[in-house]
Amino acid sequence: MRRALVALALLTTALPAEAAPRTITSPQALPADHERPRIFLGGSIDMGRAADWQAELVKSLGDLDVVFLNPRRPDWNPAWKPDASEPEFRRQVEWELGALESADIVVMYFAPGSQSPISLLEMGLHARGGKLILLCPEGFWRKGNVDITAGHYGIEQVATMDELAAAVRRRVAKWAEPESPA
């Protein structure tokens, strides 16, 4: 019996750990390695007034072996002035720019009733990069601009959070495919 228990213990310790996502939240340092896809969770935050859609998306994709880059900062202080001389504001903007650049997939969700001016800026910065997946439902104040820009640059758009999760899964699977020799 003891031999069986020891063998069982050795067998279970030799198994690889299951894949689990990792979430890096601003202002945490971005990981030095880049062995798994990085997904930037851009879109409506509106100084914390928008629903925490990032947490819901991360939960629905919890079985993926990815790194989520989440700009929703838990210690955000609305008293920080949106000025380049404000250290914490600068730290946030620089983190977001670095995270966007390092991301393999950039998700943008424009929530109905929000304005999300920084997300619109970020969408414009990355419109030509091939990384974007957009969700912009009816009720977003500049939906027309988002739709026209997405169409012009061939950006993938989806209509629901479930479709957004499915699109992310497809991109992650494509990222994991080995490159074919040229």
Protein backbone atom coordinates (compact mmCIF):
# COMPACT_ATOMS: atom_id res chain seq x y z
CA MET A 1 0.00 0.00 0.00
CA ARG A 2 2.79 2.39 0.91
CA ARG A 3 4.55 1.75 -2.43
CA ALA A 4 1.33 2.53 -4.25
CA LEU A 5 0.95 5.82 -2.36
CA VAL A 6 4.58 6.80 -3.07
CA ALA A 7 4.16 5.94 -6.76
CA LEU A 8 0.94 7.96 -6.90
CA ALA A 9 2.65 10.93 -5.23
CA LEU A 10 5.55 10.79 -7.70
CA LEU A 11 3.17 10.54 -10.62
CA THR A 12 1.14 13.57 -9.56
CA THR A 13 4.21 15.70 -8.88
CA ALA A 14 5.59 14.92 -12.33
CA LEU A 15 2.52 16.27 -14.08
CA PRO A 16 2.82 19.77 -15.54
CA ALA A 17 0.85 22.52 -13.85
CA GLU A 18 -2.35 23.56 -15.58
CA ALA A 19 -2.31 26.72 -17.62
CA ALA A 20 -3.48 29.76 -15.75
CA PRO A 21 -3.59 33.38 -16.79
CA ARG A 22 -1.52 36.00 -15.08
CA THR A 23 -2.83 39.53 -14.63
CA ILE A 24 -0.48 42.49 -14.46
CA THR A 25 -2.25 45.60 -13.22
CA SER A 26 -0.92 49.11 -13.51
CA PRO A 27 1.53 50.17 -12.15
CA GLN A 28 3.13 46.70 -11.73
CA ALA A 29 6.20 46.08 -13.87
CA LEU A 30 5.63 44.28 -17.14
CA PRO A 31 7.16 40.79 -17.19
CA ALA A 32 10.65 40.47 -18.66
CA ASP A 33 9.80 37.23 -20.47
CA HIS A 34 7.37 37.00 -23.38
CA GLU A 35 6.63 33.28 -23.55
CA ARG A 36 2.85 33.59 -23.66
CA PRO A 37 0.52 36.00 -25.38
CA ARG A 38 -0.09 39.38 -23.78
CA ILE A 39 -3.59 40.83 -23.90
CA PHE A 40 -4.10 44.52 -23.16
CA LEU A 41 -7.55 45.24 -21.69
CA GLY A 42 -8.25 48.71 -23.05
CA GLY A 43 -11.50 50.57 -23.01
CA SER A 44 -13.99 52.15 -20.70
CA ILE A 45 -12.85 52.77 -17.15
CA ASP A 46 -13.95 56.40 -16.84
CA MET A 47 -11.98 57.06 -13.65
CA GLY A 48 -13.51 53.93 -12.08
CA ARG A 49 -17.14 54.79 -12.89
CA ALA A 50 -17.48 52.20 -15.68
CA ALA A 51 -18.35 48.62 -14.73
CA ASP A 52 -15.33 46.38 -14.21
CA TRP A 53 -15.74 44.55 -17.51
CA GLN A 54 -12.04 43.61 -17.42
CA ALA A 55 -12.59 41.33 -14.42
CA GLU A 56 -15.49 39.61 -16.16
CA LEU A 57 -13.48 39.04 -19.35
CA VAL A 58 -10.49 37.70 -17.40
CA LYS A 59 -12.84 35.34 -15.54
CA SER A 60 -14.39 34.05 -18.78
CA LEU A 61 -10.89 33.42 -20.22
CA GLY A 62 -9.49 31.96 -17.00
CA ASP A 63 -8.39 28.72 -18.65
CA LEU A 64 -5.97 30.44 -21.06
CA ASP A 65 -2.21 30.53 -20.53
CA VAL A 66 -1.85 34.27 -21.18
CA VAL A 67 -0.79 37.50 -19.52
CA PHE A 68 -3.51 40.11 -19.14
CA LEU A 69 -2.32 43.71 -19.00
CA ASN A 70 -4.97 45.62 -17.08
CA PRO A 71 -4.76 49.42 -16.87
CA ARG A 72 -7.57 49.58 -14.27
CA ARG A 73 -5.54 50.69 -11.30
CA PRO A 74 -6.94 49.68 -7.90
CA ASP A 75 -5.32 52.63 -6.13
CA TRP A 76 -6.31 55.29 -8.68
CA ASN A 77 -6.83 58.68 -7.06
CA PRO A 78 -9.13 61.02 -8.99
CA ALA A 79 -7.40 63.96 -7.26
CA TRP A 80 -4.29 63.33 -9.39
CA LYS A 81 -4.15 66.08 -11.99
CA PRO A 82 -4.06 64.92 -15.62
CA ASP A 83 -0.81 66.78 -16.10
CA ALA A 84 2.60 65.55 -17.23
CA SER A 85 4.15 66.97 -14.05
CA GLU A 86 1.90 64.81 -11.81
CA PRO A 87 4.13 61.77 -10.99
CA GLU A 88 1.39 59.15 -10.57
CA PHE A 89 -0.50 60.35 -13.62
CA ARG A 90 2.69 60.18 -15.69
CA ARG A 91 3.41 56.72 -14.28
CA GLN A 92 -0.06 55.53 -15.39
CA VAL A 93 0.22 56.93 -18.91
CA GLU A 94 3.72 55.55 -19.39
CA TRP A 95 2.60 52.12 -18.09
CA GLU A 96 -0.29 52.07 -20.55
CA LEU A 97 1.90 53.09 -23.49
CA GLY A 98 4.45 50.39 -22.64
CA ALA A 99 1.77 47.74 -22.09
CA LEU A 100 0.07 48.58 -25.39
CA GLU A 101 3.37 48.31 -27.26
CA SER A 102 4.22 44.96 -25.66
CA ALA A 103 0.74 43.46 -26.17
CA ASP A 104 0.06 40.83 -28.82
CA ILE A 105 -3.70 41.42 -28.64
CA VAL A 106 -5.35 44.72 -27.77
CA VAL A 107 -8.96 44.50 -26.62
CA MET A 108 -10.99 47.72 -26.67
CA TYR A 109 -14.45 47.90 -25.12
CA PHE A 110 -16.37 51.16 -25.45
CA ALA A 111 -19.19 50.97 -22.90
CA PRO A 112 -22.55 52.55 -23.67
CA GLY A 113 -22.95 55.78 -21.74
CA SER A 114 -19.20 56.30 -21.37
CA GLN A 115 -16.90 58.64 -23.24
CA SER A 116 -13.51 56.90 -22.90
CA PRO A 117 -11.40 59.59 -24.60
CA ILE A 118 -8.10 57.90 -23.77
CA SER A 119 -9.34 54.60 -25.21
CA LEU A 120 -10.27 56.43 -28.42
CA LEU A 121 -6.74 57.83 -28.53
CA GLU A 122 -5.26 54.36 -27.94
CA MET A 123 -7.49 52.88 -30.64
CA GLY A 124 -6.19 55.49 -33.07
CA LEU A 125 -2.58 54.78 -32.13
CA HIS A 126 -3.03 51.05 -32.83
CA ALA A 127 -5.58 51.07 -35.67
CA ARG A 128 -3.00 49.97 -38.23
CA GLY A 129 -1.19 47.43 -36.06
CA GLY A 130 -3.38 44.35 -36.57
CA LYS A 131 -3.68 43.74 -32.81
CA LEU A 132 -7.10 45.28 -32.09
CA ILE A 133 -10.39 43.59 -31.34
CA LEU A 134 -13.22 46.08 -30.75
CA LEU A 135 -16.53 45.90 -28.95
CA CYS A 136 -18.53 49.11 -29.36
CA PRO A 137 -22.25 48.57 -28.68
CA GLU A 138 -25.06 50.99 -29.43
CA GLY A 139 -25.08 53.78 -26.89
CA PHE A 140 -21.39 54.68 -27.06
CA TRP A 141 -21.30 58.38 -27.83
CA ARG A 142 -18.83 58.08 -30.75
CA LYS A 143 -19.88 54.68 -32.10
CA GLY A 144 -20.00 56.06 -35.64
CA ASN A 145 -16.37 57.16 -35.48
CA VAL A 146 -15.31 53.79 -34.06
CA ASP A 147 -17.26 51.83 -36.71
CA ILE A 148 -15.95 53.89 -39.63
CA THR A 149 -12.36 53.75 -38.41
CA ALA A 150 -12.60 50.00 -37.79
CA GLY A 151 -13.97 49.43 -41.28
CA HIS A 152 -11.32 51.62 -42.88
CA TYR A 153 -8.43 49.80 -41.20
CA GLY A 154 -9.91 46.28 -41.21
CA ILE A 155 -10.13 46.05 -37.43
CA GLU A 156 -12.05 43.07 -36.11
CA GLN A 157 -15.31 44.13 -34.43
CA VAL A 158 -17.64 42.01 -32.33
CA ALA A 159 -21.12 42.69 -30.96
CA THR A 160 -21.14 41.11 -27.47
CA MET A 161 -18.85 40.22 -24.59
CA ASP A 162 -19.25 36.53 -25.45
CA GLU A 163 -18.09 37.26 -29.01
CA LEU A 164 -15.20 39.29 -27.61
CA ALA A 165 -14.08 36.33 -25.50
CA ALA A 166 -14.36 34.02 -28.52
CA ALA A 167 -12.33 36.40 -30.68
CA VAL A 168 -9.61 36.57 -28.03
CA ARG A 169 -9.54 32.76 -27.87
CA ARG A 170 -9.07 32.58 -31.67
CA ARG A 171 -6.22 35.08 -31.56
CA VAL A 172 -4.52 33.25 -28.69
CA ALA A 173 -4.77 29.96 -30.59
CA LYS A 174 -3.29 31.63 -33.69
CA TRP A 175 -0.48 33.15 -31.58
CA ALA A 176 0.42 29.69 -30.30
CA GLU A 177 0.67 28.15 -33.80
CA PRO A 178 4.23 27.49 -34.92
CA GLU A 179 5.46 29.79 -37.67
CA SER A 180 5.81 28.12 -41.04
CA PRO A 181 9.25 28.34 -42.65
CA ALA A 182 9.58 30.95 -45.39
